[in-house]
Structures are given as structure tokens and as C-alpha cells.
């Protein structure tokens, strides 16, 4: 058995002993996906290519995405009807 295989087995054994760690990882992943998806959608709708690429490549567990959404994404002006 290789060292890499032992590391994987040890990781899953740790998760088996401490299931709250697996739950925390899952919650963190869902949190990140929601914020990243929202920020990427807003950047694409506003034709902000640089922001889209940065948000796509940089993983900050939602922090950069939240900053973008609330401070840097422009709200589109609605045309008068």
C-alpha cells in the first residue's frame, strides 16, 4: 500500500470518528457554492469580465463574493415604462 493510499484511508477513518467535521465541510461547501454562484451570475449579467475571472479562480469561502455583491456589482437601471 502506498503512502497516498494510507493518507486517504486515515482521512476517511478520521471522518468516521468525527462526523461533525464532515458536516462542517459540507456546510462550508454549500455556503461557498451559493455565494460564488450569485456573484458569478451578477458579474456575467453586468459584463464585468475581470470580476468574473477573479471570482471564478479565487476561492475565499464566500468572502470575496460577498464583498463583490454588496460593494462592486452595479445595479442595472430600469428603463422607464
C-alpha atoms as a PDB file:
ATOM      1  CA  UNK A   1       0.000   0.000   0.000  1.00  0.00           C
ATOM      2  CA  UNK A   2       1.366   3.410  -0.953  1.00  0.00           C
ATOM      3  CA  UNK A   3       1.709   6.415   1.341  1.00  0.00           C
ATOM      4  CA  UNK A   4      -1.008   8.255  -0.590  1.00  0.00           C
ATOM      5  CA  UNK A   5      -3.454   5.380  -0.094  1.00  0.00           C
ATOM      6  CA  UNK A   6      -2.696   5.355   3.629  1.00  0.00           C
ATOM      7  CA  UNK A   7      -3.362   9.087   3.836  1.00  0.00           C
ATOM      8  CA  UNK A   8      -6.748   8.636   2.163  1.00  0.00           C
ATOM      9  CA  UNK A   9      -7.652   5.751   4.471  1.00  0.00           C
ATOM     10  CA  UNK A  10      -6.577   7.762   7.529  1.00  0.00           C
ATOM     11  CA  UNK A  11      -8.659  10.748   6.358  1.00  0.00           C
ATOM     12  CA  UNK A  12     -11.809   8.649   5.975  1.00  0.00           C
ATOM     13  CA  UNK A  13     -11.126   6.971   9.319  1.00  0.00           C
ATOM     14  CA  UNK A  14     -10.864  10.428  10.927  1.00  0.00           C
ATOM     15  CA  UNK A  15     -14.174  11.462   9.348  1.00  0.00           C
ATOM     16  CA  UNK A  16     -15.746   8.252  10.630  1.00  0.00           C
ATOM     17  CA  UNK A  17     -14.606   9.029  14.173  1.00  0.00           C
ATOM     18  CA  UNK A  18     -15.513  12.750  13.950  1.00  0.00           C
ATOM     19  CA  UNK A  19     -18.660  13.059  11.784  1.00  0.00           C
ATOM     20  CA  UNK A  20     -19.097  16.731  12.747  1.00  0.00           C
ATOM     21  CA  UNK A  21     -16.007  17.515  10.631  1.00  0.00           C
ATOM     22  CA  UNK A  22     -17.679  16.040   7.543  1.00  0.00           C
ATOM     23  CA  UNK A  23     -20.846  18.001   8.352  1.00  0.00           C
ATOM     24  CA  UNK A  24     -18.827  21.221   8.697  1.00  0.00           C
ATOM     25  CA  UNK A  25     -17.102  20.624   5.363  1.00  0.00           C
ATOM     26  CA  UNK A  26     -20.472  20.022   3.687  1.00  0.00           C
ATOM     27  CA  UNK A  27     -21.995  23.197   5.191  1.00  0.00           C
ATOM     28  CA  UNK A  28     -18.935  25.227   4.148  1.00  0.00           C
ATOM     29  CA  UNK A  29     -19.130  23.837   0.605  1.00  0.00           C
ATOM     30  CA  UNK A  30     -22.821  24.712   0.286  1.00  0.00           C
ATOM     31  CA  UNK A  31     -22.188  28.224   1.699  1.00  0.00           C
ATOM     32  CA  UNK A  32     -19.390  28.788  -0.820  1.00  0.00           C
ATOM     33  CA  UNK A  33     -21.368  27.488  -3.796  1.00  0.00           C
ATOM     34  CA  UNK A  34     -24.325  29.756  -3.049  1.00  0.00           C
ATOM     35  CA  UNK A  35     -22.235  32.938  -2.743  1.00  0.00           C
ATOM     36  CA  UNK A  36     -19.931  32.080  -5.655  1.00  0.00           C
ATOM     37  CA  UNK A  37     -22.871  31.273  -7.923  1.00  0.00           C
ATOM     38  CA  UNK A  38     -24.635  34.517  -7.056  1.00  0.00           C
ATOM     39  CA  UNK A  39     -21.510  36.627  -7.542  1.00  0.00           C
ATOM     40  CA  UNK A  40     -20.611  34.945 -10.851  1.00  0.00           C
ATOM     41  CA  UNK A  41     -24.162  35.417 -12.098  1.00  0.00           C
ATOM     42  CA  UNK A  42     -24.115  39.138 -11.229  1.00  0.00           C
ATOM     43  CA  UNK A  43     -20.660  39.641 -12.804  1.00  0.00           C
ATOM     44  CA  UNK A  44     -21.781  37.923 -16.003  1.00  0.00           C
ATOM     45  CA  UNK A  45     -25.031  39.916 -16.192  1.00  0.00           C
ATOM     46  CA  UNK A  46     -23.097  43.170 -15.718  1.00  0.00           C
ATOM     47  CA  UNK A  47     -20.468  42.241 -18.345  1.00  0.00           C
ATOM     48  CA  UNK A  48     -17.672  42.512 -15.767  1.00  0.00           C
ATOM     49  CA  UNK A  49     -15.234  40.010 -17.249  1.00  0.00           C
ATOM     50  CA  UNK A  50     -12.344  40.794 -14.893  1.00  0.00           C
ATOM     51  CA  UNK A  51     -14.511  40.278 -11.819  1.00  0.00           C
ATOM     52  CA  UNK A  52     -15.942  37.076 -13.304  1.00  0.00           C
ATOM     53  CA  UNK A  53     -12.466  35.603 -13.845  1.00  0.00           C
ATOM     54  CA  UNK A  54     -11.223  36.662 -10.395  1.00  0.00           C
ATOM     55  CA  UNK A  55     -14.304  35.250  -8.678  1.00  0.00           C
ATOM     56  CA  UNK A  56     -14.029  32.041 -10.664  1.00  0.00           C
ATOM     57  CA  UNK A  57     -10.352  31.425  -9.861  1.00  0.00           C
ATOM     58  CA  UNK A  58     -10.008  32.722  -6.300  1.00  0.00           C
ATOM     59  CA  UNK A  59     -11.611  30.706  -3.515  1.00  0.00           C
ATOM     60  CA  UNK A  60     -12.156  32.750  -0.343  1.00  0.00           C
ATOM     61  CA  UNK A  61     -15.035  30.746   1.171  1.00  0.00           C
ATOM     62  CA  UNK A  62     -17.510  33.385   0.063  1.00  0.00           C
ATOM     63  CA  UNK A  63     -15.764  36.468   1.480  1.00  0.00           C
ATOM     64  CA  UNK A  64     -14.682  37.979  -1.859  1.00  0.00           C
ATOM     65  CA  UNK A  65     -18.037  37.060  -3.365  1.00  0.00           C
ATOM     66  CA  UNK A  66     -19.954  38.856  -0.600  1.00  0.00           C
ATOM     67  CA  UNK A  67     -17.750  41.953  -0.950  1.00  0.00           C
ATOM     68  CA  UNK A  68     -18.340  41.970  -4.722  1.00  0.00           C
ATOM     69  CA  UNK A  69     -22.108  41.537  -4.424  1.00  0.00           C
ATOM     70  CA  UNK A  70     -22.617  44.311  -1.880  1.00  0.00           C
ATOM     71  CA  UNK A  71     -19.959  46.843  -2.911  1.00  0.00           C
ATOM     72  CA  UNK A  72     -18.841  46.366  -6.524  1.00  0.00           C
ATOM     73  CA  UNK A  73     -21.720  44.918  -8.533  1.00  0.00           C
ATOM     74  CA  UNK A  74     -23.621  47.643 -10.329  1.00  0.00           C
ATOM     75  CA  UNK A  75     -27.374  47.581 -10.249  1.00  0.00           C
ATOM     76  CA  UNK A  76     -28.845  47.888 -13.698  1.00  0.00           C
ATOM     77  CA  UNK A  77     -31.032  50.947 -14.186  1.00  0.00           C
ATOM     78  CA  UNK A  78     -34.500  50.003 -15.273  1.00  0.00           C
ATOM     79  CA  UNK A  79     -35.787  51.858 -18.300  1.00  0.00           C
ATOM     80  CA  UNK A  80     -38.917  53.944 -17.736  1.00  0.00           C
ATOM     81  CA  UNK A  81     -42.067  52.267 -18.948  1.00  0.00           C
END
